[in-house]
Amino acid sequence: MSIEIKRIYEPADDGDGWRVLVDRLWPRGVSKQNAQIDAWLRDIAPSSSLRSWFGHKAENFEHFSELYRNELDTEPLKQPVVKQLLEMTNSGKVTLLYGSKTTLINHAVVLKQYLEEKGNE
C-alpha cells in the first residue's frame, strides 16, 4: 500500500499514481483541466460543521482528528468511499490531493493514516 498526500497546487508528477482530490470544495485558482485528477471524492472530506470548527488551528488538530476518524467510521456516505480508496491502493499508488495551506495539520494527513491502518487490518 502506497499513499501520499500533496497539495493540489503542486504540479502533477508521473510518480503520483492515482490522483484523488479529497476536498469537499473545488480548490480556488485551479482549473479542472490543469488539476490532472483521476477522481474527486468530495464525500470523504470532513463534514462542513467539523471543518468550520477545526479552522486549521493547531490546538484543535488532535480533537479534530478523533472526530474526523469517527465520521469515517460511522457516516453512511463516507464508508463506501473509504472502501473505494482502499481498493485503489490495492491496485497502485494513490496520492490524496488537498487544497489547505497547512501541510501538517489537515484532513488529508488524518485520512492517509486512517487508510493505512484500515489497509493493514
PDB file of N, CA and C in Angstrom:
ATOM      1  N   MET A   1       0.848  -1.170   0.000  1.00  0.00           N
ATOM      2  CA  MET A   1       0.000   0.000   0.000  1.00  0.00           C
ATOM      3  C   MET A   1       0.895   1.235   0.000  1.00  0.00           C
ATOM      4  N   SER A   2       0.637   2.098  -0.973  1.00  0.00           N
ATOM      5  CA  SER A   2       1.422   3.327  -1.064  1.00  0.00           C
ATOM      6  C   SER A   2       0.473   4.516  -1.197  1.00  0.00           C
ATOM      7  N   ILE A   3       0.432   5.337  -0.141  1.00  0.00           N
ATOM      8  CA  ILE A   3      -0.425   6.516  -0.125  1.00  0.00           C
ATOM      9  C   ILE A   3       0.447   7.729   0.169  1.00  0.00           C
ATOM     10  N   GLU A   4       0.301   8.737  -0.635  1.00  0.00           N
ATOM     11  CA  GLU A   4       0.999  10.001  -0.425  1.00  0.00           C
ATOM     12  C   GLU A   4      -0.045  11.105  -0.315  1.00  0.00           C
ATOM     13  N   ILE A   5       0.356  12.235   0.219  1.00  0.00           N
ATOM     14  CA  ILE A   5      -0.509  13.409   0.223  1.00  0.00           C
ATOM     15  C   ILE A   5       0.251  14.556  -0.427  1.00  0.00           C
ATOM     16  N   LYS A   6      -0.519  15.445  -1.062  1.00  0.00           N
ATOM     17  CA  LYS A   6       0.103  16.515  -1.833  1.00  0.00           C
ATOM     18  C   LYS A   6      -0.898  17.645  -2.010  1.00  0.00           C
ATOM     19  N   ARG A   7      -0.409  18.861  -1.929  1.00  0.00           N
ATOM     20  CA  ARG A   7      -1.283  19.998  -2.229  1.00  0.00           C
ATOM     21  C   ARG A   7      -1.622  19.973  -3.713  1.00  0.00           C
ATOM     22  N   ILE A   8      -2.848  20.264  -4.033  1.00  0.00           N
ATOM     23  CA  ILE A   8      -3.275  20.248  -5.431  1.00  0.00           C
ATOM     24  C   ILE A   8      -2.575  21.335  -6.227  1.00  0.00           C
ATOM     25  N   TYR A   9      -2.012  22.316  -5.549  1.00  0.00           N
ATOM     26  CA  TYR A   9      -1.322  23.414  -6.215  1.00  0.00           C
ATOM     27  C   TYR A   9       0.079  23.008  -6.680  1.00  0.00           C
ATOM     28  N   GLU A  10       0.561  21.865  -6.214  1.00  0.00           N
ATOM     29  CA  GLU A  10       1.850  21.347  -6.678  1.00  0.00           C
ATOM     30  C   GLU A  10       1.641  20.661  -8.022  1.00  0.00           C
ATOM     31  N   PRO A  11       2.641  20.717  -8.903  1.00  0.00           N
ATOM     32  CA  PRO A  11       2.465  20.096 -10.213  1.00  0.00           C
ATOM     33  C   PRO A  11       2.303  18.576 -10.127  1.00  0.00           C
ATOM     34  N   ALA A  12       1.539  18.039 -11.063  1.00  0.00           N
ATOM     35  CA  ALA A  12       1.382  16.583 -11.162  1.00  0.00           C
ATOM     36  C   ALA A  12       2.721  15.970 -11.518  1.00  0.00           C
ATOM     37  N   ASP A  13       2.904  14.741 -11.067  1.00  0.00           N
ATOM     38  CA  ASP A  13       4.151  14.026 -11.299  1.00  0.00           C
ATOM     39  C   ASP A  13       3.814  12.621 -11.794  1.00  0.00           C
ATOM     40  N   ASP A  14       4.646  12.063 -12.645  1.00  0.00           N
ATOM     41  CA  ASP A  14       4.396  10.709 -13.150  1.00  0.00           C
ATOM     42  C   ASP A  14       4.321   9.685 -12.021  1.00  0.00           C
ATOM     43  N   GLY A  15       4.985   9.953 -10.913  1.00  0.00           N
ATOM     44  CA  GLY A  15       5.002   9.020  -9.794  1.00  0.00           C
ATOM     45  C   GLY A  15       3.827   9.163  -8.835  1.00  0.00           C
ATOM     46  N   ASP A  16       2.865  10.037  -9.148  1.00  0.00           N
ATOM     47  CA  ASP A  16       1.724  10.247  -8.259  1.00  0.00           C
ATOM     48  C   ASP A  16       0.764   9.061  -8.221  1.00  0.00           C
ATOM     49  N   GLY A  17       0.739   8.264  -9.252  1.00  0.00           N
ATOM     50  CA  GLY A  17      -0.246   7.188  -9.311  1.00  0.00           C
ATOM     51  C   GLY A  17      -1.637   7.775  -9.488  1.00  0.00           C
ATOM     52  N   TRP A  18      -2.625   7.192  -8.790  1.00  0.00           N
ATOM     53  CA  TRP A  18      -3.992   7.714  -8.809  1.00  0.00           C
ATOM     54  C   TRP A  18      -3.993   9.052  -8.098  1.00  0.00           C
ATOM     55  N   ARG A  19      -4.434  10.091  -8.758  1.00  0.00           N
ATOM     56  CA  ARG A  19      -4.532  11.425  -8.153  1.00  0.00           C
ATOM     57  C   ARG A  19      -5.995  11.661  -7.760  1.00  0.00           C
ATOM     58  N   VAL A  20      -6.224  11.751  -6.438  1.00  0.00           N
ATOM     59  CA  VAL A  20      -7.585  11.814  -5.922  1.00  0.00           C
ATOM     60  C   VAL A  20      -7.751  13.067  -5.066  1.00  0.00           C
ATOM     61  N   LEU A  21      -8.628  13.957  -5.495  1.00  0.00           N
ATOM     62  CA  LEU A  21      -8.953  15.147  -4.721  1.00  0.00           C
ATOM     63  C   LEU A  21      -9.900  14.749  -3.602  1.00  0.00           C
ATOM     64  N   VAL A  22      -9.538  15.085  -2.353  1.00  0.00           N
ATOM     65  CA  VAL A  22     -10.336  14.663  -1.205  1.00  0.00           C
ATOM     66  C   VAL A  22     -10.929  15.857  -0.454  1.00  0.00           C
ATOM     67  N   ASP A  23     -11.079  16.983  -1.116  1.00  0.00           N
ATOM     68  CA  ASP A  23     -11.720  18.170  -0.537  1.00  0.00           C
ATOM     69  C   ASP A  23     -13.182  18.223  -0.949  1.00  0.00           C
ATOM     70  N   ARG A  24     -14.011  18.765  -0.063  1.00  0.00           N
ATOM     71  CA  ARG A  24     -15.437  18.915  -0.366  1.00  0.00           C
ATOM     72  C   ARG A  24     -15.665  19.992  -1.429  1.00  0.00           C
ATOM     73  N   LEU A  25     -14.866  21.058  -1.367  1.00  0.00           N
ATOM     74  CA  LEU A  25     -14.993  22.167  -2.310  1.00  0.00           C
ATOM     75  C   LEU A  25     -13.838  22.144  -3.301  1.00  0.00           C
ATOM     76  N   TRP A  26     -14.124  22.575  -4.518  1.00  0.00           N
ATOM     77  CA  TRP A  26     -13.061  22.661  -5.524  1.00  0.00           C
ATOM     78  C   TRP A  26     -12.088  23.772  -5.110  1.00  0.00           C
ATOM     79  N   PRO A  27     -10.772  23.504  -5.168  1.00  0.00           N
ATOM     80  CA  PRO A  27      -9.785  24.500  -4.739  1.00  0.00           C
ATOM     81  C   PRO A  27      -9.764  25.739  -5.646  1.00  0.00           C
ATOM     82  N   ARG A  28      -9.657  26.886  -5.013  1.00  0.00           N
ATOM     83  CA  ARG A  28      -9.618  28.148  -5.751  1.00  0.00           C
ATOM     84  C   ARG A  28      -8.381  28.232  -6.625  1.00  0.00           C
ATOM     85  N   GLY A  29      -8.592  28.780  -7.810  1.00  0.00           N
ATOM     86  CA  GLY A  29      -7.471  29.052  -8.701  1.00  0.00           C
ATOM     87  C   GLY A  29      -6.943  27.857  -9.461  1.00  0.00           C
ATOM     88  N   VAL A  30      -7.595  26.710  -9.353  1.00  0.00           N
ATOM     89  CA  VAL A  30      -7.150  25.505 -10.063  1.00  0.00           C
ATOM     90  C   VAL A  30      -8.221  25.138 -11.077  1.00  0.00           C
ATOM     91  N   SER A  31      -7.838  25.102 -12.349  1.00  0.00           N
ATOM     92  CA  SER A  31      -8.818  24.697 -13.356  1.00  0.00           C
ATOM     93  C   SER A  31      -8.944  23.176 -13.344  1.00  0.00           C
ATOM     94  N   LYS A  32     -10.113  22.706 -13.668  1.00  0.00           N
ATOM     95  CA  LYS A  32     -10.319  21.253 -13.690  1.00  0.00           C
ATOM     96  C   LYS A  32      -9.414  20.588 -14.727  1.00  0.00           C
ATOM     97  N   GLN A  33      -9.121  21.299 -15.791  1.00  0.00           N
ATOM     98  CA  GLN A  33      -8.237  20.756 -16.827  1.00  0.00           C
ATOM     99  C   GLN A  33      -6.806  20.617 -16.307  1.00  0.00           C
ATOM    100  N   ASN A  34      -6.331  21.605 -15.577  1.00  0.00           N
ATOM    101  CA  ASN A  34      -4.946  21.582 -15.091  1.00  0.00           C
ATOM    102  C   ASN A  34      -4.744  20.734 -13.841  1.00  0.00           C
ATOM    103  N   ALA A  35      -5.818  20.378 -13.170  1.00  0.00           N
ATOM    104  CA  ALA A  35      -5.698  19.616 -11.922  1.00  0.00           C
ATOM    105  C   ALA A  35      -5.160  18.207 -12.155  1.00  0.00           C
ATOM    106  N   GLN A  36      -5.437  17.648 -13.301  1.00  0.00           N
ATOM    107  CA  GLN A  36      -4.994  16.297 -13.650  1.00  0.00           C
ATOM    108  C   GLN A  36      -5.348  15.290 -12.561  1.00  0.00           C
ATOM    109  N   ILE A  37      -6.631  15.253 -12.204  1.00  0.00           N
ATOM    110  CA  ILE A  37      -7.065  14.296 -11.188  1.00  0.00           C
ATOM    111  C   ILE A  37      -7.747  13.103 -11.846  1.00  0.00           C
ATOM    112  N   ASP A  38      -7.702  11.982 -11.150  1.00  0.00           N
ATOM    113  CA  ASP A  38      -8.388  10.777 -11.613  1.00  0.00           C
ATOM    114  C   ASP A  38      -9.771  10.652 -10.980  1.00  0.00           C
ATOM    115  N   ALA A  39      -9.920  11.255  -9.797  1.00  0.00           N
ATOM    116  CA  ALA A  39     -11.208  11.192  -9.106  1.00  0.00           C
ATOM    117  C   ALA A  39     -11.318  12.356  -8.131  1.00  0.00           C
ATOM    118  N   TRP A  40     -12.544  12.813  -7.941  1.00  0.00           N
ATOM    119  CA  TRP A  40     -12.842  13.814  -6.926  1.00  0.00           C
ATOM    120  C   TRP A  40     -13.827  13.167  -5.976  1.00  0.00           C
ATOM    121  N   LEU A  41     -13.348  12.788  -4.805  1.00  0.00           N
ATOM    122  CA  LEU A  41     -14.174  12.084  -3.822  1.00  0.00           C
ATOM    123  C   LEU A  41     -14.537  13.041  -2.688  1.00  0.00           C
ATOM    124  N   ARG A  42     -15.442  13.948  -2.972  1.00  0.00           N
ATOM    125  CA  ARG A  42     -15.791  15.011  -2.017  1.00  0.00           C
ATOM    126  C   ARG A  42     -16.481  14.482  -0.769  1.00  0.00           C
ATOM    127  N   ASP A  43     -17.152  13.332  -0.864  1.00  0.00           N
ATOM    128  CA  ASP A  43     -17.859  12.799   0.304  1.00  0.00           C
ATOM    129  C   ASP A  43     -16.912  12.293   1.397  1.00  0.00           C
ATOM    130  N   ILE A  44     -15.638  12.099   1.077  1.00  0.00           N
ATOM    131  CA  ILE A  44     -14.675  11.631   2.073  1.00  0.00           C
ATOM    132  C   ILE A  44     -14.182  12.774   2.953  1.00  0.00           C
ATOM    133  N   ALA A  45     -14.404  13.995   2.535  1.00  0.00           N
ATOM    134  CA  ALA A  45     -13.949  15.166   3.298  1.00  0.00           C
ATOM    135  C   ALA A  45     -14.727  15.286   4.606  1.00  0.00           C
ATOM    136  N   PRO A  46     -14.154  15.960   5.592  1.00  0.00           N
ATOM    137  CA  PRO A  46     -14.888  16.173   6.846  1.00  0.00           C
ATOM    138  C   PRO A  46     -16.182  16.937   6.595  1.00  0.00           C
ATOM    139  N   SER A  47     -17.142  16.730   7.464  1.00  0.00           N
ATOM    140  CA  SER A  47     -18.401  17.471   7.352  1.00  0.00           C
ATOM    141  C   SER A  47     -18.115  18.965   7.417  1.00  0.00           C
ATOM    142  N   SER A  48     -18.995  19.748   6.838  1.00  0.00           N
ATOM    143  CA  SER A  48     -18.811  21.202   6.832  1.00  0.00           C
ATOM    144  C   SER A  48     -18.719  21.756   8.246  1.00  0.00           C
ATOM    145  N   SER A  49     -19.545  21.240   9.150  1.00  0.00           N
ATOM    146  CA  SER A  49     -19.514  21.745  10.528  1.00  0.00           C
ATOM    147  C   SER A  49     -18.190  21.402  11.214  1.00  0.00           C
ATOM    148  N   LEU A  50     -17.671  20.206  10.986  1.00  0.00           N
ATOM    149  CA  LEU A  50     -16.390  19.820  11.586  1.00  0.00           C
ATOM    150  C   LEU A  50     -15.256  20.649  11.000  1.00  0.00           C
ATOM    151  N   ARG A  51     -15.269  20.836   9.693  1.00  0.00           N
ATOM    152  CA  ARG A  51     -14.231  21.627   9.031  1.00  0.00           C
ATOM    153  C   ARG A  51     -14.238  23.065   9.546  1.00  0.00           C
ATOM    154  N   SER A  52     -15.421  23.636   9.700  1.00  0.00           N
ATOM    155  CA  SER A  52     -15.526  25.002  10.202  1.00  0.00           C
ATOM    156  C   SER A  52     -15.016  25.112  11.634  1.00  0.00           C
ATOM    157  N   TRP A  53     -15.396  24.152  12.478  1.00  0.00           N
ATOM    158  CA  TRP A  53     -14.944  24.169  13.861  1.00  0.00           C
ATOM    159  C   TRP A  53     -13.422  24.060  13.931  1.00  0.00           C
ATOM    160  N   PHE A  54     -12.841  23.165  13.153  1.00  0.00           N
ATOM    161  CA  PHE A  54     -11.389  22.940  13.161  1.00  0.00           C
ATOM    162  C   PHE A  54     -10.643  24.209  12.786  1.00  0.00           C
ATOM    163  N   GLY A  55     -11.012  24.829  11.694  1.00  0.00           N
ATOM    164  CA  GLY A  55     -10.400  26.075  11.262  1.00  0.00           C
ATOM    165  C   GLY A  55      -8.897  26.006  11.038  1.00  0.00           C
ATOM    166  N   HIS A  56      -8.347  24.827  10.862  1.00  0.00           N
ATOM    167  CA  HIS A  56      -6.902  24.617  10.656  1.00  0.00           C
ATOM    168  C   HIS A  56      -6.071  25.222  11.779  1.00  0.00           C
ATOM    169  N   LYS A  57      -6.609  25.155  12.988  1.00  0.00           N
ATOM    170  CA  LYS A  57      -5.892  25.639  14.161  1.00  0.00           C
ATOM    171  C   LYS A  57      -5.175  24.467  14.815  1.00  0.00           C
ATOM    172  N   ALA A  58      -3.887  24.645  15.049  1.00  0.00           N
ATOM    173  CA  ALA A  58      -3.064  23.567  15.606  1.00  0.00           C
ATOM    174  C   ALA A  58      -3.631  23.031  16.918  1.00  0.00           C
ATOM    175  N   GLU A  59      -4.162  23.911  17.752  1.00  0.00           N
ATOM    176  CA  GLU A  59      -4.678  23.479  19.052  1.00  0.00           C
ATOM    177  C   GLU A  59      -5.929  22.608  18.925  1.00  0.00           C
ATOM    178  N   ASN A  60      -6.591  22.629  17.781  1.00  0.00           N
ATOM    179  CA  ASN A  60      -7.792  21.813  17.552  1.00  0.00           C
ATOM    180  C   ASN A  60      -7.490  20.496  16.832  1.00  0.00           C
ATOM    181  N   PHE A  61      -6.257  20.329  16.346  1.00  0.00           N
ATOM    182  CA  PHE A  61      -5.976  19.226  15.429  1.00  0.00           C
ATOM    183  C   PHE A  61      -6.184  17.847  16.059  1.00  0.00           C
ATOM    184  N   GLU A  62      -5.731  17.642  17.280  1.00  0.00           N
ATOM    185  CA  GLU A  62      -5.858  16.318  17.889  1.00  0.00           C
ATOM    186  C   GLU A  62      -7.328  15.918  18.035  1.00  0.00           C
ATOM    187  N   HIS A  63      -8.131  16.832  18.548  1.00  0.00           N
ATOM    188  CA  HIS A  63      -9.565  16.525  18.708  1.00  0.00           C
ATOM    189  C   HIS A  63     -10.251  16.417  17.344  1.00  0.00           C
ATOM    190  N   PHE A  64      -9.866  17.283  16.409  1.00  0.00           N
ATOM    191  CA  PHE A  64     -10.391  17.192  15.046  1.00  0.00           C
ATOM    192  C   PHE A  64     -10.114  15.812  14.464  1.00  0.00           C
ATOM    193  N   SER A  65      -8.894  15.323  14.644  1.00  0.00           N
ATOM    194  CA  SER A  65      -8.515  14.011  14.102  1.00  0.00           C
ATOM    195  C   SER A  65      -9.427  12.914  14.627  1.00  0.00           C
ATOM    196  N   GLU A  66      -9.700  12.949  15.928  1.00  0.00           N
ATOM    197  CA  GLU A  66     -10.589  11.952  16.540  1.00  0.00           C
ATOM    198  C   GLU A  66     -11.998  12.041  15.958  1.00  0.00           C
ATOM    199  N   LEU A  67     -12.506  13.273  15.848  1.00  0.00           N
ATOM    200  CA  LEU A  67     -13.860  13.461  15.319  1.00  0.00           C
ATOM    201  C   LEU A  67     -13.958  13.062  13.852  1.00  0.00           C
ATOM    202  N   TYR A  68     -12.943  13.382  13.078  1.00  0.00           N
ATOM    203  CA  TYR A  68     -12.952  13.026  11.654  1.00  0.00           C
ATOM    204  C   TYR A  68     -12.869  11.511  11.483  1.00  0.00           C
ATOM    205  N   ARG A  69     -12.015  10.863  12.252  1.00  0.00           N
ATOM    206  CA  ARG A  69     -11.916   9.402  12.177  1.00  0.00           C
ATOM    207  C   ARG A  69     -13.261   8.761  12.554  1.00  0.00           C
ATOM    208  N   ASN A  70     -13.950   9.350  13.514  1.00  0.00           N
ATOM    209  CA  ASN A  70     -15.273   8.851  13.883  1.00  0.00           C
ATOM    210  C   ASN A  70     -16.245   9.000  12.716  1.00  0.00           C
ATOM    211  N   GLU A  71     -16.182  10.145  12.026  1.00  0.00           N
ATOM    212  CA  GLU A  71     -17.024  10.318  10.835  1.00  0.00           C
ATOM    213  C   GLU A  71     -16.707   9.251   9.789  1.00  0.00           C
ATOM    214  N   LEU A  72     -15.429   8.979   9.576  1.00  0.00           N
ATOM    215  CA  LEU A  72     -15.032   7.980   8.578  1.00  0.00           C
ATOM    216  C   LEU A  72     -15.572   6.598   8.931  1.00  0.00           C
ATOM    217  N   ASP A  73     -15.646   6.312  10.225  1.00  0.00           N
ATOM    218  CA  ASP A  73     -16.150   5.009  10.685  1.00  0.00           C
ATOM    219  C   ASP A  73     -17.668   4.896  10.659  1.00  0.00           C
ATOM    220  N   THR A  74     -18.366   6.016  10.816  1.00  0.00           N
ATOM    221  CA  THR A  74     -19.808   5.925  11.060  1.00  0.00           C
ATOM    222  C   THR A  74     -20.708   6.576  10.008  1.00  0.00           C
ATOM    223  N   GLU A  75     -20.216   7.527   9.261  1.00  0.00           N
ATOM    224  CA  GLU A  75     -21.062   8.243   8.290  1.00  0.00           C
ATOM    225  C   GLU A  75     -21.368   7.345   7.083  1.00  0.00           C
ATOM    226  N   PRO A  76     -22.638   7.122   6.795  1.00  0.00           N
ATOM    227  CA  PRO A  76     -23.003   6.243   5.680  1.00  0.00           C
ATOM    228  C   PRO A  76     -22.439   6.677   4.317  1.00  0.00           C
ATOM    229  N   LEU A  77     -22.311   7.973   4.073  1.00  0.00           N
ATOM    230  CA  LEU A  77     -21.770   8.427   2.788  1.00  0.00           C
ATOM    231  C   LEU A  77     -20.264   8.216   2.681  1.00  0.00           C
ATOM    232  N   LYS A  78     -19.579   8.170   3.800  1.00  0.00           N
ATOM    233  CA  LYS A  78     -18.124   8.037   3.780  1.00  0.00           C
ATOM    234  C   LYS A  78     -17.657   6.583   3.650  1.00  0.00           C
ATOM    235  N   GLN A  79     -18.413   5.665   4.199  1.00  0.00           N
ATOM    236  CA  GLN A  79     -17.973   4.268   4.231  1.00  0.00           C
ATOM    237  C   GLN A  79     -17.719   3.666   2.847  1.00  0.00           C
ATOM    238  N   PRO A  80     -18.584   3.871   1.851  1.00  0.00           N
ATOM    239  CA  PRO A  80     -18.275   3.323   0.524  1.00  0.00           C
ATOM    240  C   PRO A  80     -17.057   3.995  -0.131  1.00  0.00           C
ATOM    241  N   VAL A  81     -16.835   5.261   0.212  1.00  0.00           N
ATOM    242  CA  VAL A  81     -15.682   5.968  -0.360  1.00  0.00           C
ATOM    243  C   VAL A  81     -14.393   5.460   0.268  1.00  0.00           C
ATOM    244  N   VAL A  82     -14.426   5.164   1.557  1.00  0.00           N
ATOM    245  CA  VAL A  82     -13.262   4.547   2.210  1.00  0.00           C
ATOM    246  C   VAL A  82     -12.934   3.239   1.510  1.00  0.00           C
ATOM    247  N   LYS A  83     -13.959   2.438   1.267  1.00  0.00           N
ATOM    248  CA  LYS A  83     -13.759   1.150   0.580  1.00  0.00           C
ATOM    249  C   LYS A  83     -13.168   1.371  -0.815  1.00  0.00           C
ATOM    250  N   GLN A  84     -13.684   2.352  -1.530  1.00  0.00           N
ATOM    251  CA  GLN A  84     -13.175   2.660  -2.874  1.00  0.00           C
ATOM    252  C   GLN A  84     -11.698   3.064  -2.826  1.00  0.00           C
ATOM    253  N   LEU A  85     -11.334   3.909  -1.867  1.00  0.00           N
ATOM    254  CA  LEU A  85      -9.939   4.326  -1.750  1.00  0.00           C
ATOM    255  C   LEU A  85      -9.031   3.150  -1.394  1.00  0.00           C
ATOM    256  N   LEU A  86      -9.489   2.283  -0.518  1.00  0.00           N
ATOM    257  CA  LEU A  86      -8.694   1.111  -0.159  1.00  0.00           C
ATOM    258  C   LEU A  86      -8.495   0.200  -1.370  1.00  0.00           C
ATOM    259  N   GLU A  87      -9.529   0.057  -2.191  1.00  0.00           N
ATOM    260  CA  GLU A  87      -9.393  -0.741  -3.412  1.00  0.00           C
ATOM    261  C   GLU A  87      -8.391  -0.095  -4.370  1.00  0.00           C
ATOM    262  N   MET A  88      -8.412   1.229  -4.455  1.00  0.00           N
ATOM    263  CA  MET A  88      -7.458   1.932  -5.317  1.00  0.00           C
ATOM    264  C   MET A  88      -6.027   1.696  -4.839  1.00  0.00           C
ATOM    265  N   THR A  89      -5.821   1.704  -3.519  1.00  0.00           N
ATOM    266  CA  THR A  89      -4.462   1.494  -3.001  1.00  0.00           C
ATOM    267  C   THR A  89      -3.978   0.079  -3.277  1.00  0.00           C
ATOM    268  N   ASN A  90      -4.897  -0.862  -3.406  1.00  0.00           N
ATOM    269  CA  ASN A  90      -4.513  -2.232  -3.726  1.00  0.00           C
ATOM    270  C   ASN A  90      -4.064  -2.378  -5.176  1.00  0.00           C
ATOM    271  N   SER A  91      -4.445  -1.406  -6.016  1.00  0.00           N
ATOM    272  CA  SER A  91      -4.077  -1.506  -7.431  1.00  0.00           C
ATOM    273  C   SER A  91      -2.960  -0.537  -7.814  1.00  0.00           C
ATOM    274  N   GLY A  92      -2.360   0.122  -6.825  1.00  0.00           N
ATOM    275  CA  GLY A  92      -1.245   1.011  -7.140  1.00  0.00           C
ATOM    276  C   GLY A  92      -1.169   2.173  -6.173  1.00  0.00           C
ATOM    277  N   LYS A  93      -0.249   3.044  -6.443  1.00  0.00           N
ATOM    278  CA  LYS A  93      -0.032   4.212  -5.585  1.00  0.00           C
ATOM    279  C   LYS A  93      -1.196   5.187  -5.705  1.00  0.00           C
ATOM    280  N   VAL A  94      -1.549   5.809  -4.587  1.00  0.00           N
ATOM    281  CA  VAL A  94      -2.604   6.813  -4.542  1.00  0.00           C
ATOM    282  C   VAL A  94      -2.029   8.081  -3.916  1.00  0.00           C
ATOM    283  N   THR A  95      -2.278   9.203  -4.546  1.00  0.00           N
ATOM    284  CA  THR A  95      -1.902  10.498  -3.984  1.00  0.00           C
ATOM    285  C   THR A  95      -3.183  11.252  -3.647  1.00  0.00           C
ATOM    286  N   LEU A  96      -3.350  11.528  -2.362  1.00  0.00           N
ATOM    287  CA  LEU A  96      -4.504  12.283  -1.884  1.00  0.00           C
ATOM    288  C   LEU A  96      -4.196  13.767  -2.041  1.00  0.00           C
ATOM    289  N   LEU A  97      -5.012  14.458  -2.792  1.00  0.00           N
ATOM    290  CA  LEU A  97      -4.805  15.876  -3.065  1.00  0.00           C
ATOM    291  C   LEU A  97      -5.725  16.719  -2.201  1.00  0.00           C
ATOM    292  N   TYR A  98      -5.181  17.810  -1.667  1.00  0.00           N
ATOM    293  CA  TYR A  98      -5.944  18.710  -0.809  1.00  0.00           C
ATOM    294  C   TYR A  98      -5.547  20.144  -1.120  1.00  0.00           C
ATOM    295  N   GLY A  99      -6.362  21.086  -0.710  1.00  0.00           N
ATOM    296  CA  GLY A  99      -6.097  22.482  -1.014  1.00  0.00           C
ATOM    297  C   GLY A  99      -5.552  23.298   0.142  1.00  0.00           C
ATOM    298  N   SER A 100      -5.575  22.779   1.346  1.00  0.00           N
ATOM    299  CA  SER A 100      -5.167  23.532   2.533  1.00  0.00           C
ATOM    300  C   SER A 100      -3.734  24.057   2.420  1.00  0.00           C
ATOM    301  N   LYS A 101      -3.515  25.237   2.988  1.00  0.00           N
ATOM    302  CA  LYS A 101      -2.164  25.806   3.036  1.00  0.00           C
ATOM    303  C   LYS A 101      -1.310  25.114   4.087  1.00  0.00           C
ATOM    304  N   THR A 102      -1.960  24.549   5.101  1.00  0.00           N
ATOM    305  CA  THR A 102      -1.218  23.895   6.170  1.00  0.00           C
ATOM    306  C   THR A 102      -0.943  22.445   5.781  1.00  0.00           C
ATOM    307  N   THR A 103       0.327  22.099   5.720  1.00  0.00           N
ATOM    308  CA  THR A 103       0.683  20.769   5.218  1.00  0.00           C
ATOM    309  C   THR A 103       0.722  19.694   6.299  1.00  0.00           C
ATOM    310  N   LEU A 104       0.838  20.098   7.559  1.00  0.00           N
ATOM    311  CA  LEU A 104       0.961  19.098   8.619  1.00  0.00           C
ATOM    312  C   LEU A 104      -0.309  18.901   9.429  1.00  0.00           C
ATOM    313  N   ILE A 105      -1.211  19.877   9.370  1.00  0.00           N
ATOM    314  CA  ILE A 105      -2.464  19.749  10.130  1.00  0.00           C
ATOM    315  C   ILE A 105      -3.643  19.977   9.190  1.00  0.00           C
ATOM    316  N   ASN A 106      -4.008  18.926   8.488  1.00  0.00           N
ATOM    317  CA  ASN A 106      -5.164  18.985   7.600  1.00  0.00           C
ATOM    318  C   ASN A 106      -5.801  17.605   7.534  1.00  0.00           C
ATOM    319  N   HIS A 107      -6.976  17.531   6.953  1.00  0.00           N
ATOM    320  CA  HIS A 107      -7.705  16.258   6.950  1.00  0.00           C
ATOM    321  C   HIS A 107      -7.029  15.184   6.108  1.00  0.00           C
ATOM    322  N   ALA A 108      -6.251  15.560   5.097  1.00  0.00           N
ATOM    323  CA  ALA A 108      -5.573  14.550   4.274  1.00  0.00           C
ATOM    324  C   ALA A 108      -4.540  13.773   5.087  1.00  0.00           C
ATOM    325  N   VAL A 109      -3.906  14.435   6.040  1.00  0.00           N
ATOM    326  CA  VAL A 109      -2.949  13.757   6.931  1.00  0.00           C
ATOM    327  C   VAL A 109      -3.676  12.682   7.728  1.00  0.00           C
ATOM    328  N   VAL A 110      -4.825  13.041   8.279  1.00  0.00           N
ATOM    329  CA  VAL A 110      -5.622  12.099   9.070  1.00  0.00           C
ATOM    330  C   VAL A 110      -6.138  10.970   8.181  1.00  0.00           C
ATOM    331  N   LEU A 111      -6.626  11.315   7.004  1.00  0.00           N
ATOM    332  CA  LEU A 111      -7.157  10.313   6.081  1.00  0.00           C
ATOM    333  C   LEU A 111      -6.084   9.318   5.660  1.00  0.00           C
ATOM    334  N   LYS A 112      -4.901   9.784   5.374  1.00  0.00           N
ATOM    335  CA  LYS A 112      -3.786   8.894   4.988  1.00  0.00           C
ATOM    336  C   LYS A 112      -3.514   7.885   6.098  1.00  0.00           C
ATOM    337  N   GLN A 113      -3.381   8.362   7.346  1.00  0.00           N
ATOM    338  CA  GLN A 113      -3.129   7.467   8.470  1.00  0.00           C
ATOM    339  C   GLN A 113      -4.275   6.474   8.653  1.00  0.00           C
ATOM    340  N   TYR A 114      -5.479   6.957   8.520  1.00  0.00           N
ATOM    341  CA  TYR A 114      -6.668   6.121   8.668  1.00  0.00           C
ATOM    342  C   TYR A 114      -6.669   4.995   7.624  1.00  0.00           C
ATOM    343  N   LEU A 115      -6.424   5.356   6.363  1.00  0.00           N
ATOM    344  CA  LEU A 115      -6.420   4.349   5.298  1.00  0.00           C
ATOM    345  C   LEU A 115      -5.295   3.337   5.484  1.00  0.00           C
ATOM    346  N   GLU A 116      -4.138   3.805   5.909  1.00  0.00           N
ATOM    347  CA  GLU A 116      -3.025   2.884   6.136  1.00  0.00           C
ATOM    348  C   GLU A 116      -3.360   1.887   7.247  1.00  0.00           C
ATOM    349  N   GLU A 117      -3.994   2.372   8.302  1.00  0.00           N
ATOM    350  CA  GLU A 117      -4.398   1.479   9.385  1.00  0.00           C
ATOM    351  C   GLU A 117      -5.452   0.486   8.906  1.00  0.00           C
ATOM    352  N   LYS A 118      -6.442   0.946   8.171  1.00  0.00           N
ATOM    353  CA  LYS A 118      -7.505   0.072   7.668  1.00  0.00           C
ATOM    354  C   LYS A 118      -6.937  -0.966   6.693  1.00  0.00           C
ATOM    355  N   GLY A 119      -5.972  -0.540   5.888  1.00  0.00           N
ATOM    356  CA  GLY A 119      -5.378  -1.443   4.918  1.00  0.00           C
ATOM    357  C   GLY A 119      -4.544  -2.538   5.557  1.00  0.00           C
ATOM    358  N   ASN A 120      -4.097  -2.308   6.782  1.00  0.00           N
ATOM    359  CA  ASN A 120      -3.282  -3.290   7.496  1.00  0.00           C
ATOM    360  C   ASN A 120      -4.083  -4.188   8.431  1.00  0.00           C
ATOM    361  N   GLU A 121      -5.398  -3.991   8.463  1.00  0.00           N
ATOM    362  CA  GLU A 121      -6.243  -4.830   9.321  1.00  0.00           C
ATOM    363  C   GLU A 121      -6.443  -6.205   8.736  1.00  0.00           C
TER     364      GLU A 121
END
